[in-house]
C-alpha atoms as a PDB file:
ATOM      1  CA  MET A   1     -18.358 -21.779 -33.286  1.00  0.00           C
ATOM      2  CA  LYS A   2     -19.566 -22.986 -29.920  1.00  0.00           C
ATOM      3  CA  THR A   3     -17.037 -22.351 -27.068  1.00  0.00           C
ATOM      4  CA  LYS A   4     -14.877 -25.295 -25.800  1.00  0.00           C
ATOM      5  CA  LYS A   5     -15.648 -26.055 -22.612  1.00  0.00           C
ATOM      6  CA  ILE A   6     -12.928 -27.704 -20.072  1.00  0.00           C
ATOM      7  CA  ILE A   7     -14.492 -29.222 -16.572  1.00  0.00           C
ATOM      8  CA  LEU A   8     -12.072 -29.610 -13.922  1.00  0.00           C
ATOM      9  CA  ILE A   9     -12.664 -31.463 -10.925  1.00  0.00           C
ATOM     10  CA  GLY A  10     -10.601 -31.783  -8.299  1.00  0.00           C
ATOM     11  CA  GLY A  11     -10.991 -33.078  -4.600  1.00  0.00           C
ATOM     12  CA  ALA A  12      -9.566 -35.397  -1.947  1.00  0.00           C
ATOM     13  CA  PRO A  13      -9.585 -39.212  -2.261  1.00  0.00           C
ATOM     14  CA  THR A  14     -12.987 -40.843  -1.363  1.00  0.00           C
ATOM     15  CA  THR A  15     -15.115 -37.757  -2.866  1.00  0.00           C
ATOM     16  CA  GLY A  16     -16.381 -39.482  -6.018  1.00  0.00           C
ATOM     17  CA  LYS A  17     -14.472 -37.805  -8.303  1.00  0.00           C
ATOM     18  CA  SER A  18     -14.253 -40.351 -10.742  1.00  0.00           C
ATOM     19  CA  THR A  19     -17.918 -40.903 -10.513  1.00  0.00           C
ATOM     20  CA  MET A  20     -18.844 -37.254 -10.777  1.00  0.00           C
ATOM     21  CA  ALA A  21     -16.686 -36.873 -13.862  1.00  0.00           C
ATOM     22  CA  ALA A  22     -18.050 -39.790 -15.794  1.00  0.00           C
ATOM     23  CA  LEU A  23     -21.917 -38.051 -14.992  1.00  0.00           C
ATOM     24  CA  VAL A  24     -20.911 -34.718 -15.858  1.00  0.00           C
ATOM     25  CA  ALA A  25     -18.923 -35.936 -18.441  1.00  0.00           C
ATOM     26  CA  LYS A  26     -22.398 -38.090 -19.769  1.00  0.00           C
ATOM     27  CA  HIS A  27     -24.518 -34.905 -19.316  1.00  0.00           C
ATOM     28  CA  LEU A  28     -22.119 -32.395 -21.273  1.00  0.00           C
ATOM     29  CA  ASN A  29     -21.572 -35.390 -23.827  1.00  0.00           C
ATOM     30  CA  LEU A  30     -17.883 -35.002 -23.362  1.00  0.00           C
ATOM     31  CA  PRO A  31     -14.856 -37.199 -22.644  1.00  0.00           C
ATOM     32  CA  TRP A  32     -13.242 -37.591 -19.725  1.00  0.00           C
ATOM     33  CA  ILE A  33      -9.696 -38.377 -17.820  1.00  0.00           C
ATOM     34  CA  SER A  34      -8.436 -38.767 -14.852  1.00  0.00           C
ATOM     35  CA  THR A  35      -5.319 -36.968 -13.411  1.00  0.00           C
ATOM     36  CA  ASP A  36      -3.966 -40.824 -12.466  1.00  0.00           C
ATOM     37  CA  GLN A  37      -3.809 -41.677 -16.177  1.00  0.00           C
ATOM     38  CA  ILE A  38      -1.210 -38.660 -16.659  1.00  0.00           C
ATOM     39  CA  ARG A  39       0.408 -39.438 -13.549  1.00  0.00           C
ATOM     40  CA  GLU A  40       1.327 -42.952 -15.012  1.00  0.00           C
ATOM     41  CA  THR A  41       2.017 -42.016 -17.968  1.00  0.00           C
ATOM     42  CA  MET A  42       4.286 -39.318 -16.945  1.00  0.00           C
ATOM     43  CA  ARG A  43       6.206 -42.320 -14.729  1.00  0.00           C
ATOM     44  CA  LEU A  44       7.160 -43.972 -17.632  1.00  0.00           C
ATOM     45  CA  VAL A  45       8.785 -41.129 -19.413  1.00  0.00           C
ATOM     46  CA  ALA A  46       9.789 -38.461 -16.663  1.00  0.00           C
ATOM     47  CA  ARG A  47      13.325 -39.025 -15.183  1.00  0.00           C
ATOM     48  CA  ARG A  48      13.535 -39.351 -11.481  1.00  0.00           C
ATOM     49  CA  GLU A  49      16.496 -36.468 -11.018  1.00  0.00           C
ATOM     50  CA  ASP A  50      14.008 -33.822 -13.069  1.00  0.00           C
ATOM     51  CA  TYR A  51      10.957 -35.192 -10.992  1.00  0.00           C
ATOM     52  CA  PRO A  52      11.839 -36.473  -7.469  1.00  0.00           C
ATOM     53  CA  LYS A  53       8.260 -35.757  -6.180  1.00  0.00           C
ATOM     54  CA  LEU A  54       6.584 -38.005  -8.806  1.00  0.00           C
ATOM     55  CA  PHE A  55       8.401 -40.487  -7.183  1.00  0.00           C
ATOM     56  CA  ASN A  56       8.105 -40.299  -3.818  1.00  0.00           C
ATOM     57  CA  ILE A  57       6.058 -43.387  -2.838  1.00  0.00           C
ATOM     58  CA  GLU A  58       8.482 -45.493  -5.281  1.00  0.00           C
ATOM     59  CA  GLY A  59       9.463 -48.847  -3.115  1.00  0.00           C
ATOM     60  CA  TYR A  60       6.388 -48.678  -0.250  1.00  0.00           C
ATOM     61  CA  ASP A  61       4.144 -51.005   0.057  1.00  0.00           C
ATOM     62  CA  ALA A  62       1.219 -50.124   2.240  1.00  0.00           C
ATOM     63  CA  GLN A  63       1.945 -51.675   5.740  1.00  0.00           C
ATOM     64  CA  LYS A  64       6.093 -49.790   5.342  1.00  0.00           C
ATOM     65  CA  PHE A  65       3.948 -46.129   4.239  1.00  0.00           C
ATOM     66  CA  LEU A  66       1.436 -46.122   6.698  1.00  0.00           C
ATOM     67  CA  THR A  67       3.447 -46.835   9.292  1.00  0.00           C
ATOM     68  CA  GLU A  68       6.307 -44.931   8.753  1.00  0.00           C
ATOM     69  CA  PHE A  69       4.693 -41.608   7.862  1.00  0.00           C
ATOM     70  CA  SER A  70       2.033 -39.589   9.991  1.00  0.00           C
ATOM     71  CA  ALA A  71      -1.334 -38.822   8.045  1.00  0.00           C
ATOM     72  CA  SER A  72      -0.564 -35.222   8.336  1.00  0.00           C
ATOM     73  CA  GLU A  73       2.756 -36.240   6.500  1.00  0.00           C
ATOM     74  CA  ILE A  74       0.929 -38.272   4.102  1.00  0.00           C
ATOM     75  CA  ALA A  75      -1.628 -35.938   3.220  1.00  0.00           C
ATOM     76  CA  ASP A  76       1.525 -33.265   2.528  1.00  0.00           C
ATOM     77  CA  ILE A  77       3.006 -36.170   0.109  1.00  0.00           C
ATOM     78  CA  GLU A  78      -0.028 -36.304  -1.824  1.00  0.00           C
ATOM     79  CA  LEU A  79       0.208 -32.352  -2.247  1.00  0.00           C
ATOM     80  CA  GLU A  80       3.360 -32.595  -3.501  1.00  0.00           C
ATOM     81  CA  GLN A  81       3.004 -35.411  -5.719  1.00  0.00           C
ATOM     82  CA  SER A  82       0.352 -33.354  -7.338  1.00  0.00           C
ATOM     83  CA  GLU A  83       2.429 -30.591  -7.496  1.00  0.00           C
ATOM     84  CA  ALA A  84       4.593 -32.808  -9.289  1.00  0.00           C
ATOM     85  CA  VAL A  85       1.779 -34.267 -11.937  1.00  0.00           C
ATOM     86  CA  TRP A  86       0.221 -30.661 -12.372  1.00  0.00           C
ATOM     87  CA  VAL A  87       3.259 -30.211 -15.039  1.00  0.00           C
ATOM     88  CA  GLY A  88       1.572 -32.867 -17.580  1.00  0.00           C
ATOM     89  CA  ILE A  89      -1.560 -32.022 -16.518  1.00  0.00           C
ATOM     90  CA  LYS A  90      -1.148 -28.276 -17.814  1.00  0.00           C
ATOM     91  CA  LYS A  91       0.514 -29.974 -21.267  1.00  0.00           C
ATOM     92  CA  PHE A  92      -2.208 -31.957 -21.642  1.00  0.00           C
ATOM     93  CA  ILE A  93      -5.201 -29.034 -21.085  1.00  0.00           C
ATOM     94  CA  GLU A  94      -3.273 -26.696 -23.169  1.00  0.00           C
ATOM     95  CA  ASN A  95      -1.763 -28.897 -26.179  1.00  0.00           C
ATOM     96  CA  ASP A  96      -4.878 -30.942 -26.285  1.00  0.00           C
ATOM     97  CA  TYR A  97      -6.478 -30.870 -29.775  1.00  0.00           C
ATOM     98  CA  THR A  98      -8.097 -34.614 -30.471  1.00  0.00           C
ATOM     99  CA  TRP A  99     -11.238 -32.908 -28.069  1.00  0.00           C
ATOM    100  CA  LYS A 100     -12.409 -30.219 -30.142  1.00  0.00           C
ATOM    101  CA  LYS A 101     -15.241 -29.376 -27.593  1.00  0.00           C
ATOM    102  CA  GLY A 102     -13.555 -30.194 -24.469  1.00  0.00           C
ATOM    103  CA  PHE A 103     -13.112 -32.624 -21.699  1.00  0.00           C
ATOM    104  CA  VAL A 104     -13.877 -33.305 -18.192  1.00  0.00           C
ATOM    105  CA  MET A 105     -10.855 -34.002 -16.387  1.00  0.00           C
ATOM    106  CA  GLU A 106     -10.579 -35.057 -12.514  1.00  0.00           C
ATOM    107  CA  GLY A 107      -8.204 -35.978  -9.722  1.00  0.00           C
ATOM    108  CA  VAL A 108      -6.384 -34.894  -6.805  1.00  0.00           C
ATOM    109  CA  GLY A 109      -3.856 -33.802  -9.228  1.00  0.00           C
ATOM    110  CA  ILE A 110      -5.775 -30.472  -9.705  1.00  0.00           C
ATOM    111  CA  LEU A 111      -5.258 -28.044  -6.984  1.00  0.00           C
ATOM    112  CA  PRO A 112      -6.988 -24.611  -6.744  1.00  0.00           C
ATOM    113  CA  HIS A 113      -3.670 -22.653  -6.145  1.00  0.00           C
ATOM    114  CA  LEU A 114      -2.091 -24.660  -9.679  1.00  0.00           C
ATOM    115  CA  VAL A 115      -5.588 -23.598 -11.547  1.00  0.00           C
ATOM    116  CA  ALA A 116      -5.353 -20.129 -10.901  1.00  0.00           C
ATOM    117  CA  LYS A 117      -1.438 -19.818 -11.240  1.00  0.00           C
ATOM    118  CA  ASP A 118      -2.034 -21.090 -14.796  1.00  0.00           C
ATOM    119  CA  PHE A 119      -5.686 -20.717 -15.773  1.00  0.00           C
ATOM    120  CA  SER A 120      -7.053 -17.645 -14.039  1.00  0.00           C
ATOM    121  CA  ASN A 121      -7.955 -16.123 -17.089  1.00  0.00           C
ATOM    122  CA  ASN A 122      -8.633 -18.799 -19.383  1.00  0.00           C
ATOM    123  CA  LYS A 123     -12.627 -18.699 -20.079  1.00  0.00           C
ATOM    124  CA  GLU A 124     -12.679 -21.932 -21.831  1.00  0.00           C
ATOM    125  CA  ILE A 125     -11.585 -23.831 -18.236  1.00  0.00           C
ATOM    126  CA  THR A 126     -14.597 -24.133 -15.090  1.00  0.00           C
ATOM    127  CA  SER A 127     -12.846 -25.772 -11.962  1.00  0.00           C
ATOM    128  CA  VAL A 128     -14.914 -27.339  -9.036  1.00  0.00           C
ATOM    129  CA  PHE A 129     -13.813 -29.031  -5.810  1.00  0.00           C
ATOM    130  CA  LEU A 130     -15.236 -32.024  -4.050  1.00  0.00           C
ATOM    131  CA  VAL A 131     -15.401 -32.023  -0.457  1.00  0.00           C
ATOM    132  CA  ASP A 132     -16.248 -35.093   2.052  1.00  0.00           C
ATOM    133  CA  GLU A 133     -15.812 -34.537   5.832  1.00  0.00           C
ATOM    134  CA  ASP A 134     -17.807 -37.156   6.982  1.00  0.00           C
ATOM    135  CA  ALA A 135     -15.732 -39.796   8.656  1.00  0.00           C
ATOM    136  CA  ASP A 136     -18.259 -42.335   8.397  1.00  0.00           C
ATOM    137  CA  ARG A 137     -18.385 -42.202   4.522  1.00  0.00           C
ATOM    138  CA  ILE A 138     -14.786 -42.098   4.515  1.00  0.00           C
ATOM    139  CA  LYS A 139     -14.445 -45.016   6.486  1.00  0.00           C
ATOM    140  CA  ASP A 140     -16.833 -46.756   4.449  1.00  0.00           C
ATOM    141  CA  VAL A 141     -14.823 -46.371   1.397  1.00  0.00           C
ATOM    142  CA  ILE A 142     -11.608 -47.407   2.821  1.00  0.00           C
ATOM    143  CA  TYR A 143     -12.534 -50.082   4.521  1.00  0.00           C
ATOM    144  CA  ASN A 144     -14.398 -51.667   1.769  1.00  0.00           C
ATOM    145  CA  ARG A 145     -12.364 -50.402  -1.392  1.00  0.00           C
ATOM    146  CA  GLY A 146      -9.333 -49.616   0.052  1.00  0.00           C
ATOM    147  CA  LEU A 147      -6.847 -46.108  -1.009  1.00  0.00           C
ATOM    148  CA  TRP A 148      -3.435 -47.158  -1.559  1.00  0.00           C
ATOM    149  CA  ASP A 149      -4.552 -50.866  -2.347  1.00  0.00           C
ATOM    150  CA  ASP A 150      -7.485 -53.504  -2.395  1.00  0.00           C
ATOM    151  CA  ALA A 151      -8.809 -52.840   1.001  1.00  0.00           C
ATOM    152  CA  LYS A 152      -8.386 -56.791   1.642  1.00  0.00           C
ATOM    153  CA  LYS A 153      -4.369 -56.636   0.750  1.00  0.00           C
ATOM    154  CA  TYR A 154      -3.522 -54.594   4.159  1.00  0.00           C
ATOM    155  CA  SER A 155      -4.043 -54.792   7.889  1.00  0.00           C
ATOM    156  CA  ASP A 156      -7.664 -53.131   8.953  1.00  0.00           C
ATOM    157  CA  ASP A 157      -5.234 -51.602  11.433  1.00  0.00           C
ATOM    158  CA  LEU A 158      -3.427 -48.839   9.570  1.00  0.00           C
ATOM    159  CA  LYS A 159      -6.685 -47.403   7.848  1.00  0.00           C
ATOM    160  CA  PRO A 160      -7.961 -45.040  10.648  1.00  0.00           C
ATOM    161  CA  LYS A 161      -4.937 -43.410   9.540  1.00  0.00           C
ATOM    162  CA  GLU A 162      -6.038 -43.451   5.636  1.00  0.00           C
ATOM    163  CA  ILE A 163      -9.307 -41.805   7.133  1.00  0.00           C
ATOM    164  CA  GLU A 164      -7.251 -39.410   9.134  1.00  0.00           C
ATOM    165  CA  TRP A 165      -4.977 -38.264   6.070  1.00  0.00           C
ATOM    166  CA  VAL A 166      -8.096 -37.997   3.887  1.00  0.00           C
ATOM    167  CA  LEU A 167      -9.786 -35.456   6.430  1.00  0.00           C
ATOM    168  CA  ASP A 168      -6.646 -33.715   6.655  1.00  0.00           C
ATOM    169  CA  PHE A 169      -6.427 -33.384   2.575  1.00  0.00           C
ATOM    170  CA  SER A 170      -9.953 -32.532   2.625  1.00  0.00           C
ATOM    171  CA  HIS A 171      -9.555 -29.348   5.006  1.00  0.00           C
ATOM    172  CA  LYS A 172      -6.429 -28.337   3.057  1.00  0.00           C
ATOM    173  CA  LEU A 173      -8.055 -27.835  -0.464  1.00  0.00           C
ATOM    174  CA  ARG A 174     -11.045 -26.563   1.107  1.00  0.00           C
ATOM    175  CA  ALA A 175      -9.205 -23.834   2.748  1.00  0.00           C
ATOM    176  CA  GLU A 176      -6.859 -23.590  -0.256  1.00  0.00           C
ATOM    177  CA  ALA A 177     -10.309 -23.125  -2.922  1.00  0.00           C
ATOM    178  CA  GLU A 178     -11.631 -20.586  -0.539  1.00  0.00           C
ATOM    179  CA  LYS A 179      -8.513 -18.532  -0.519  1.00  0.00           C
ATOM    180  CA  TYR A 180      -8.548 -18.768  -4.739  1.00  0.00           C
ATOM    181  CA  GLY A 181     -12.127 -18.657  -4.845  1.00  0.00           C
ATOM    182  CA  TYR A 182     -13.281 -21.656  -6.519  1.00  0.00           C
ATOM    183  CA  PRO A 183     -16.397 -23.110  -5.595  1.00  0.00           C
ATOM    184  CA  THR A 184     -16.669 -25.864  -3.201  1.00  0.00           C
ATOM    185  CA  ILE A 185     -19.377 -28.955  -3.141  1.00  0.00           C
ATOM    186  CA  GLU A 186     -19.814 -30.821   0.062  1.00  0.00           C
ATOM    187  CA  VAL A 187     -20.567 -34.296  -1.658  1.00  0.00           C
ATOM    188  CA  GLN A 188     -23.349 -36.436   0.024  1.00  0.00           C
ATOM    189  CA  LYS A 189     -22.857 -39.331  -2.194  1.00  0.00           C
ATOM    190  CA  LYS A 190     -26.407 -38.852  -3.831  1.00  0.00           C
ATOM    191  CA  ASP A 191     -28.231 -38.073  -6.906  1.00  0.00           C
ATOM    192  CA  THR A 192     -28.094 -34.600  -5.905  1.00  0.00           C
ATOM    193  CA  ASP A 193     -24.457 -34.382  -5.965  1.00  0.00           C
ATOM    194  CA  LEU A 194     -24.720 -33.854 -10.208  1.00  0.00           C
ATOM    195  CA  GLN A 195     -27.148 -31.069  -9.908  1.00  0.00           C
ATOM    196  CA  ALA A 196     -24.998 -29.112  -7.479  1.00  0.00           C
ATOM    197  CA  VAL A 197     -21.730 -29.769  -9.502  1.00  0.00           C
ATOM    198  CA  LEU A 198     -23.583 -28.571 -12.376  1.00  0.00           C
ATOM    199  CA  SER A 199     -25.223 -25.753 -10.552  1.00  0.00           C
ATOM    200  CA  THR A 200     -22.178 -24.781  -9.287  1.00  0.00           C
ATOM    201  CA  ILE A 201     -20.385 -24.690 -13.045  1.00  0.00           C
ATOM    202  CA  ALA A 202     -23.382 -23.071 -14.247  1.00  0.00           C
ATOM    203  CA  LEU A 203     -24.348 -25.730 -16.490  1.00  0.00           C
END
């Protein structure tokens, strides 16, 4: 019987996690899922008093959120939300029996210290983290697509702070991945990114 394959792809916003997950999933003939889907499902069923950090941006629009918090605070808020979402991610990984051959999962909810805590000895799971510290590439995504919402729905004056917090998140993620011994890929947004990921996870 073939070993089940579970590929976890973490990374900061704008690194192309969804694109990479789709490419890796196609290469391996596996389904893929985003931790965003798990987060939204959890928000429908979880009680706010049990998982307050899951709802830590509730009541904010882009203008209020990006004005009220510093870039460093926003990065920390995102990391805290990832901690809350991990409860659902962990249960999905442990209890999914639908995708018997495995799956690819991507999202900011996948953090190195959480993977190390719960799955460091699980031979079915391979993790890789995408980083991009090229401010111009990040700027291009934020100004053309947007992070919080469609880029056209909020002021360009707020977007430099988004670039700043994404870079801060990426720095923290890289440091954590190195601490726990997980590979990082410096994405180039080129065709070579897929091969770099496949080589890193030895597939």
